Amino acid sequence: MGNQTRIIKIDGMTCGGCVASVHNATADIDGLDDISIELADNQATVTFDDSKTSAETIAAAIDDAGFDATVTNA
């Protein structure tokens, strides 16, 4: 299909260090083209190639970093 953009709700972020942790957790995901993390909104907007990865895979990597990540329907 190509590029998709989804929103991932992230609970547990409290500071800039948390944002950096999310960036680090997702940095090596093949197919993730862009991630924009909004600390104030507790969410990330991700753009990815759905032939290489999925929003659920990205959320799982964020979970593994110690946060509670949920893909929204948006």
PDB file of N, CA and C in Angstrom:
ATOM      1  N   MET A   1       0.802  -1.195   0.000  1.00  0.00           N
ATOM      2  CA  MET A   1       0.000   0.000   0.000  1.00  0.00           C
ATOM      3  C   MET A   1       0.846   1.260   0.000  1.00  0.00           C
ATOM      4  N   GLY A   2       1.951   1.289   0.763  1.00  0.00           N
ATOM      5  CA  GLY A   2       2.785   2.486   0.801  1.00  0.00           C
ATOM      6  C   GLY A   2       2.783   3.132   2.164  1.00  0.00           C
ATOM      7  N   ASN A   3       2.984   4.429   2.162  1.00  0.00           N
ATOM      8  CA  ASN A   3       3.092   5.145   3.426  1.00  0.00           C
ATOM      9  C   ASN A   3       1.740   5.346   4.088  1.00  0.00           C
ATOM     10  N   GLN A   4       1.751   5.164   5.397  1.00  0.00           N
ATOM     11  CA  GLN A   4       0.581   5.440   6.215  1.00  0.00           C
ATOM     12  C   GLN A   4       1.004   6.313   7.374  1.00  0.00           C
ATOM     13  N   THR A   5       0.071   7.099   7.875  1.00  0.00           N
ATOM     14  CA  THR A   5       0.305   7.916   9.058  1.00  0.00           C
ATOM     15  C   THR A   5      -0.723   7.518  10.102  1.00  0.00           C
ATOM     16  N   ARG A   6      -0.236   7.241  11.314  1.00  0.00           N
ATOM     17  CA  ARG A   6      -1.118   6.851  12.415  1.00  0.00           C
ATOM     18  C   ARG A   6      -0.688   7.583  13.676  1.00  0.00           C
ATOM     19  N   ILE A   7      -1.585   7.630  14.638  1.00  0.00           N
ATOM     20  CA  ILE A   7      -1.297   8.230  15.937  1.00  0.00           C
ATOM     21  C   ILE A   7      -1.186   7.117  16.973  1.00  0.00           C
ATOM     22  N   ILE A   8      -0.136   7.206  17.767  1.00  0.00           N
ATOM     23  CA  ILE A   8       0.062   6.253  18.862  1.00  0.00           C
ATOM     24  C   ILE A   8      -0.013   7.035  20.162  1.00  0.00           C
ATOM     25  N   LYS A   9      -0.946   6.654  21.015  1.00  0.00           N
ATOM     26  CA  LYS A   9      -1.088   7.266  22.343  1.00  0.00           C
ATOM     27  C   LYS A   9      -0.016   6.644  23.241  1.00  0.00           C
ATOM     28  N   ILE A  10       0.717   7.472  23.971  1.00  0.00           N
ATOM     29  CA  ILE A  10       1.812   6.984  24.812  1.00  0.00           C
ATOM     30  C   ILE A  10       1.601   7.479  26.236  1.00  0.00           C
ATOM     31  N   ASP A  11       1.307   6.560  27.141  1.00  0.00           N
ATOM     32  CA  ASP A  11       1.173   6.908  28.553  1.00  0.00           C
ATOM     33  C   ASP A  11       2.504   6.661  29.255  1.00  0.00           C
ATOM     34  N   GLY A  12       2.837   7.525  30.192  1.00  0.00           N
ATOM     35  CA  GLY A  12       4.043   7.352  30.989  1.00  0.00           C
ATOM     36  C   GLY A  12       5.158   8.322  30.651  1.00  0.00           C
ATOM     37  N   MET A  13       4.980   9.156  29.632  1.00  0.00           N
ATOM     38  CA  MET A  13       6.003  10.152  29.310  1.00  0.00           C
ATOM     39  C   MET A  13       5.830  11.354  30.238  1.00  0.00           C
ATOM     40  N   THR A  14       6.934  11.782  30.855  1.00  0.00           N
ATOM     41  CA  THR A  14       6.853  12.904  31.786  1.00  0.00           C
ATOM     42  C   THR A  14       7.839  14.021  31.490  1.00  0.00           C
ATOM     43  N   CYS A  15       8.807  13.785  30.598  1.00  0.00           N
ATOM     44  CA  CYS A  15       9.847  14.790  30.384  1.00  0.00           C
ATOM     45  C   CYS A  15      10.512  14.593  29.021  1.00  0.00           C
ATOM     46  N   GLY A  16      11.439  15.484  28.719  1.00  0.00           N
ATOM     47  CA  GLY A  16      12.179  15.388  27.467  1.00  0.00           C
ATOM     48  C   GLY A  16      12.990  14.120  27.357  1.00  0.00           C
ATOM     49  N   GLY A  17      13.434  13.599  28.497  1.00  0.00           N
ATOM     50  CA  GLY A  17      14.174  12.335  28.482  1.00  0.00           C
ATOM     51  C   GLY A  17      13.301  11.184  28.003  1.00  0.00           C
ATOM     52  N   CYS A  18      12.021  11.240  28.355  1.00  0.00           N
ATOM     53  CA  CYS A  18      11.082  10.212  27.889  1.00  0.00           C
ATOM     54  C   CYS A  18      10.918  10.294  26.376  1.00  0.00           C
ATOM     55  N   VAL A  19      10.840  11.510  25.854  1.00  0.00           N
ATOM     56  CA  VAL A  19      10.727  11.700  24.411  1.00  0.00           C
ATOM     57  C   VAL A  19      11.953  11.108  23.726  1.00  0.00           C
ATOM     58  N   ALA A  20      13.133  11.369  24.289  1.00  0.00           N
ATOM     59  CA  ALA A  20      14.368  10.821  23.724  1.00  0.00           C
ATOM     60  C   ALA A  20      14.362   9.291  23.787  1.00  0.00           C
ATOM     61  N   SER A  21      13.829   8.732  24.864  1.00  0.00           N
ATOM     62  CA  SER A  21      13.752   7.276  24.983  1.00  0.00           C
ATOM     63  C   SER A  21      12.862   6.674  23.907  1.00  0.00           C
ATOM     64  N   VAL A  22      11.754   7.337  23.607  1.00  0.00           N
ATOM     65  CA  VAL A  22      10.857   6.865  22.553  1.00  0.00           C
ATOM     66  C   VAL A  22      11.556   6.953  21.199  1.00  0.00           C
ATOM     67  N   HIS A  23      12.247   8.059  20.956  1.00  0.00           N
ATOM     68  CA  HIS A  23      13.004   8.195  19.704  1.00  0.00           C
ATOM     69  C   HIS A  23      14.033   7.066  19.576  1.00  0.00           C
ATOM     70  N   ASN A  24      14.768   6.813  20.657  1.00  0.00           N
ATOM     71  CA  ASN A  24      15.791   5.769  20.627  1.00  0.00           C
ATOM     72  C   ASN A  24      15.180   4.387  20.410  1.00  0.00           C
ATOM     73  N   ALA A  25      14.031   4.144  21.014  1.00  0.00           N
ATOM     74  CA  ALA A  25      13.380   2.831  20.914  1.00  0.00           C
ATOM     75  C   ALA A  25      12.895   2.546  19.498  1.00  0.00           C
ATOM     76  N   THR A  26      12.622   3.608  18.741  1.00  0.00           N
ATOM     77  CA  THR A  26      12.060   3.430  17.403  1.00  0.00           C
ATOM     78  C   THR A  26      13.070   3.709  16.290  1.00  0.00           C
ATOM     79  N   ALA A  27      14.266   4.136  16.646  1.00  0.00           N
ATOM     80  CA  ALA A  27      15.250   4.594  15.660  1.00  0.00           C
ATOM     81  C   ALA A  27      15.626   3.538  14.626  1.00  0.00           C
ATOM     82  N   ASP A  28      15.664   2.272  15.022  1.00  0.00           N
ATOM     83  CA  ASP A  28      16.138   1.223  14.120  1.00  0.00           C
ATOM     84  C   ASP A  28      15.014   0.443  13.442  1.00  0.00           C
ATOM     85  N   ILE A  29      13.797   0.918  13.518  1.00  0.00           N
ATOM     86  CA  ILE A  29      12.679   0.200  12.891  1.00  0.00           C
ATOM     87  C   ILE A  29      12.702   0.461  11.388  1.00  0.00           C
ATOM     88  N   ASP A  30      12.925  -0.611  10.636  1.00  0.00           N
ATOM     89  CA  ASP A  30      12.948  -0.504   9.176  1.00  0.00           C
ATOM     90  C   ASP A  30      11.554  -0.155   8.669  1.00  0.00           C
ATOM     91  N   GLY A  31      11.468   0.884   7.877  1.00  0.00           N
ATOM     92  CA  GLY A  31      10.176   1.295   7.327  1.00  0.00           C
ATOM     93  C   GLY A  31       9.553   2.469   8.050  1.00  0.00           C
ATOM     94  N   LEU A  32      10.075   2.833   9.224  1.00  0.00           N
ATOM     95  CA  LEU A  32       9.572   4.016   9.926  1.00  0.00           C
ATOM     96  C   LEU A  32      10.204   5.243   9.294  1.00  0.00           C
ATOM     97  N   ASP A  33       9.395   6.044   8.625  1.00  0.00           N
ATOM     98  CA  ASP A  33       9.904   7.207   7.907  1.00  0.00           C
ATOM     99  C   ASP A  33      10.003   8.443   8.788  1.00  0.00           C
ATOM    100  N   ASP A  34       9.040   8.614   9.696  1.00  0.00           N
ATOM    101  CA  ASP A  34       9.035   9.808  10.526  1.00  0.00           C
ATOM    102  C   ASP A  34       8.250   9.541  11.805  1.00  0.00           C
ATOM    103  N   ILE A  35       8.743  10.105  12.912  1.00  0.00           N
ATOM    104  CA  ILE A  35       7.995  10.056  14.170  1.00  0.00           C
ATOM    105  C   ILE A  35       8.059  11.444  14.795  1.00  0.00           C
ATOM    106  N   SER A  36       6.901  11.974  15.134  1.00  0.00           N
ATOM    107  CA  SER A  36       6.789  13.274  15.779  1.00  0.00           C
ATOM    108  C   SER A  36       6.117  13.042  17.127  1.00  0.00           C
ATOM    109  N   ILE A  37       6.851  13.299  18.197  1.00  0.00           N
ATOM    110  CA  ILE A  37       6.360  13.005  19.545  1.00  0.00           C
ATOM    111  C   ILE A  37       5.920  14.300  20.223  1.00  0.00           C
ATOM    112  N   GLU A  38       4.698  14.297  20.726  1.00  0.00           N
ATOM    113  CA  GLU A  38       4.140  15.445  21.435  1.00  0.00           C
ATOM    114  C   GLU A  38       3.999  15.089  22.910  1.00  0.00           C
ATOM    115  N   LEU A  39       4.928  15.583  23.726  1.00  0.00           N
ATOM    116  CA  LEU A  39       4.914  15.290  25.159  1.00  0.00           C
ATOM    117  C   LEU A  39       3.629  15.786  25.814  1.00  0.00           C
ATOM    118  N   ALA A  40       3.207  17.002  25.479  1.00  0.00           N
ATOM    119  CA  ALA A  40       2.014  17.589  26.098  1.00  0.00           C
ATOM    120  C   ALA A  40       0.752  16.792  25.791  1.00  0.00           C
ATOM    121  N   ASP A  41       0.702  16.180  24.603  1.00  0.00           N
ATOM    122  CA  ASP A  41      -0.476  15.410  24.196  1.00  0.00           C
ATOM    123  C   ASP A  41      -0.337  13.914  24.477  1.00  0.00           C
ATOM    124  N   ASN A  42       0.832  13.505  24.977  1.00  0.00           N
ATOM    125  CA  ASN A  42       1.105  12.083  25.230  1.00  0.00           C
ATOM    126  C   ASN A  42       0.821  11.218  24.012  1.00  0.00           C
ATOM    127  N   GLN A  43       1.360  11.651  22.867  1.00  0.00           N
ATOM    128  CA  GLN A  43       1.146  10.869  21.659  1.00  0.00           C
ATOM    129  C   GLN A  43       2.282  11.077  20.670  1.00  0.00           C
ATOM    130  N   ALA A  44       2.359  10.167  19.721  1.00  0.00           N
ATOM    131  CA  ALA A  44       3.312  10.281  18.621  1.00  0.00           C
ATOM    132  C   ALA A  44       2.555  10.098  17.318  1.00  0.00           C
ATOM    133  N   THR A  45       2.928  10.881  16.335  1.00  0.00           N
ATOM    134  CA  THR A  45       2.407  10.695  14.988  1.00  0.00           C
ATOM    135  C   THR A  45       3.509  10.018  14.196  1.00  0.00           C
ATOM    136  N   VAL A  46       3.194   8.848  13.628  1.00  0.00           N
ATOM    137  CA  VAL A  46       4.199   8.074  12.914  1.00  0.00           C
ATOM    138  C   VAL A  46       3.809   7.929  11.449  1.00  0.00           C
ATOM    139  N   THR A  47       4.788   8.046  10.583  1.00  0.00           N
ATOM    140  CA  THR A  47       4.608   7.785   9.158  1.00  0.00           C
ATOM    141  C   THR A  47       5.529   6.631   8.811  1.00  0.00           C
ATOM    142  N   PHE A  48       4.964   5.613   8.168  1.00  0.00           N
ATOM    143  CA  PHE A  48       5.743   4.396   7.931  1.00  0.00           C
ATOM    144  C   PHE A  48       5.313   3.727   6.632  1.00  0.00           C
ATOM    145  N   ASP A  49       6.208   2.884   6.125  1.00  0.00           N
ATOM    146  CA  ASP A  49       5.936   2.078   4.939  1.00  0.00           C
ATOM    147  C   ASP A  49       5.290   0.785   5.423  1.00  0.00           C
ATOM    148  N   ASP A  50       4.007   0.604   5.121  1.00  0.00           N
ATOM    149  CA  ASP A  50       3.296  -0.556   5.670  1.00  0.00           C
ATOM    150  C   ASP A  50       3.682  -1.878   5.015  1.00  0.00           C
ATOM    151  N   SER A  51       4.569  -1.847   4.029  1.00  0.00           N
ATOM    152  CA  SER A  51       5.083  -3.106   3.495  1.00  0.00           C
ATOM    153  C   SER A  51       6.288  -3.582   4.307  1.00  0.00           C
ATOM    154  N   LYS A  52       6.811  -2.709   5.189  1.00  0.00           N
ATOM    155  CA  LYS A  52       7.985  -3.054   5.997  1.00  0.00           C
ATOM    156  C   LYS A  52       7.689  -3.145   7.484  1.00  0.00           C
ATOM    157  N   THR A  53       6.711  -2.381   7.968  1.00  0.00           N
ATOM    158  CA  THR A  53       6.390  -2.382   9.401  1.00  0.00           C
ATOM    159  C   THR A  53       4.928  -2.001   9.576  1.00  0.00           C
ATOM    160  N   SER A  54       4.499  -1.933  10.823  1.00  0.00           N
ATOM    161  CA  SER A  54       3.114  -1.557  11.127  1.00  0.00           C
ATOM    162  C   SER A  54       3.099  -0.640  12.342  1.00  0.00           C
ATOM    163  N   ALA A  55       1.987   0.032  12.522  1.00  0.00           N
ATOM    164  CA  ALA A  55       1.836   0.892  13.698  1.00  0.00           C
ATOM    165  C   ALA A  55       1.925   0.059  14.967  1.00  0.00           C
ATOM    166  N   GLU A  56       1.413  -1.169  14.903  1.00  0.00           N
ATOM    167  CA  GLU A  56       1.457  -2.053  16.080  1.00  0.00           C
ATOM    168  C   GLU A  56       2.892  -2.440  16.434  1.00  0.00           C
ATOM    169  N   THR A  57       3.727  -2.661  15.430  1.00  0.00           N
ATOM    170  CA  THR A  57       5.141  -2.980  15.672  1.00  0.00           C
ATOM    171  C   THR A  57       5.851  -1.795  16.314  1.00  0.00           C
ATOM    172  N   ILE A  58       5.549  -0.602  15.831  1.00  0.00           N
ATOM    173  CA  ILE A  58       6.150   0.609  16.394  1.00  0.00           C
ATOM    174  C   ILE A  58       5.691   0.789  17.842  1.00  0.00           C
ATOM    175  N   ALA A  59       4.396   0.585  18.099  1.00  0.00           N
ATOM    176  CA  ALA A  59       3.866   0.700  19.465  1.00  0.00           C
ATOM    177  C   ALA A  59       4.515  -0.336  20.381  1.00  0.00           C
ATOM    178  N   ALA A  60       4.757  -1.545  19.876  1.00  0.00           N
ATOM    179  CA  ALA A  60       5.390  -2.587  20.691  1.00  0.00           C
ATOM    180  C   ALA A  60       6.813  -2.184  21.082  1.00  0.00           C
ATOM    181  N   ALA A  61       7.537  -1.534  20.178  1.00  0.00           N
ATOM    182  CA  ALA A  61       8.888  -1.064  20.497  1.00  0.00           C
ATOM    183  C   ALA A  61       8.841   0.000  21.589  1.00  0.00           C
ATOM    184  N   ILE A  62       7.824   0.857  21.536  1.00  0.00           N
ATOM    185  CA  ILE A  62       7.653   1.887  22.569  1.00  0.00           C
ATOM    186  C   ILE A  62       7.290   1.225  23.903  1.00  0.00           C
ATOM    187  N   ASP A  63       6.429   0.213  23.856  1.00  0.00           N
ATOM    188  CA  ASP A  63       6.099  -0.563  25.067  1.00  0.00           C
ATOM    189  C   ASP A  63       7.359  -1.156  25.677  1.00  0.00           C
ATOM    190  N   ASP A  64       8.212  -1.725  24.834  1.00  0.00           N
ATOM    191  CA  ASP A  64       9.433  -2.365  25.305  1.00  0.00           C
ATOM    192  C   ASP A  64      10.377  -1.370  25.991  1.00  0.00           C
ATOM    193  N   ALA A  65      10.226  -0.077  25.666  1.00  0.00           N
ATOM    194  CA  ALA A  65      11.047   0.960  26.286  1.00  0.00           C
ATOM    195  C   ALA A  65      10.482   1.398  27.640  1.00  0.00           C
ATOM    196  N   GLY A  66       9.350   0.814  28.038  1.00  0.00           N
ATOM    197  CA  GLY A  66       8.808   1.092  29.360  1.00  0.00           C
ATOM    198  C   GLY A  66       7.593   1.988  29.384  1.00  0.00           C
ATOM    199  N   PHE A  67       7.005   2.241  28.242  1.00  0.00           N
ATOM    200  CA  PHE A  67       5.818   3.082  28.162  1.00  0.00           C
ATOM    201  C   PHE A  67       4.627   2.236  27.774  1.00  0.00           C
ATOM    202  N   ASP A  68       3.438   2.816  27.890  1.00  0.00           N
ATOM    203  CA  ASP A  68       2.209   2.115  27.498  1.00  0.00           C
ATOM    204  C   ASP A  68       1.707   2.771  26.216  1.00  0.00           C
ATOM    205  N   ALA A  69       1.966   2.106  25.079  1.00  0.00           N
ATOM    206  CA  ALA A  69       1.639   2.663  23.772  1.00  0.00           C
ATOM    207  C   ALA A  69       0.450   1.940  23.158  1.00  0.00           C
ATOM    208  N   THR A  70      -0.494   2.723  22.640  1.00  0.00           N
ATOM    209  CA  THR A  70      -1.702   2.181  22.022  1.00  0.00           C
ATOM    210  C   THR A  70      -1.949   2.891  20.694  1.00  0.00           C
ATOM    211  N   VAL A  71      -2.146   2.121  19.643  1.00  0.00           N
ATOM    212  CA  VAL A  71      -2.462   2.694  18.337  1.00  0.00           C
ATOM    213  C   VAL A  71      -3.915   3.149  18.352  1.00  0.00           C
ATOM    214  N   THR A  72      -4.140   4.399  17.931  1.00  0.00           N
ATOM    215  CA  THR A  72      -5.506   4.905  17.850  1.00  0.00           C
ATOM    216  C   THR A  72      -6.045   4.651  16.445  1.00  0.00           C
ATOM    217  N   ASN A  73      -7.324   4.885  16.253  1.00  0.00           N
ATOM    218  CA  ASN A  73      -7.956   4.681  14.953  1.00  0.00           C
ATOM    219  C   ASN A  73      -7.734   5.836  13.996  1.00  0.00           C
ATOM    220  N   ALA A  74      -7.168   6.914  14.492  1.00  0.00           N
ATOM    221  CA  ALA A  74      -6.978   8.110  13.649  1.00  0.00           C
ATOM    222  C   ALA A  74      -5.899   7.899  12.612  1.00  0.00           C
TER     223      ALA A  74
END
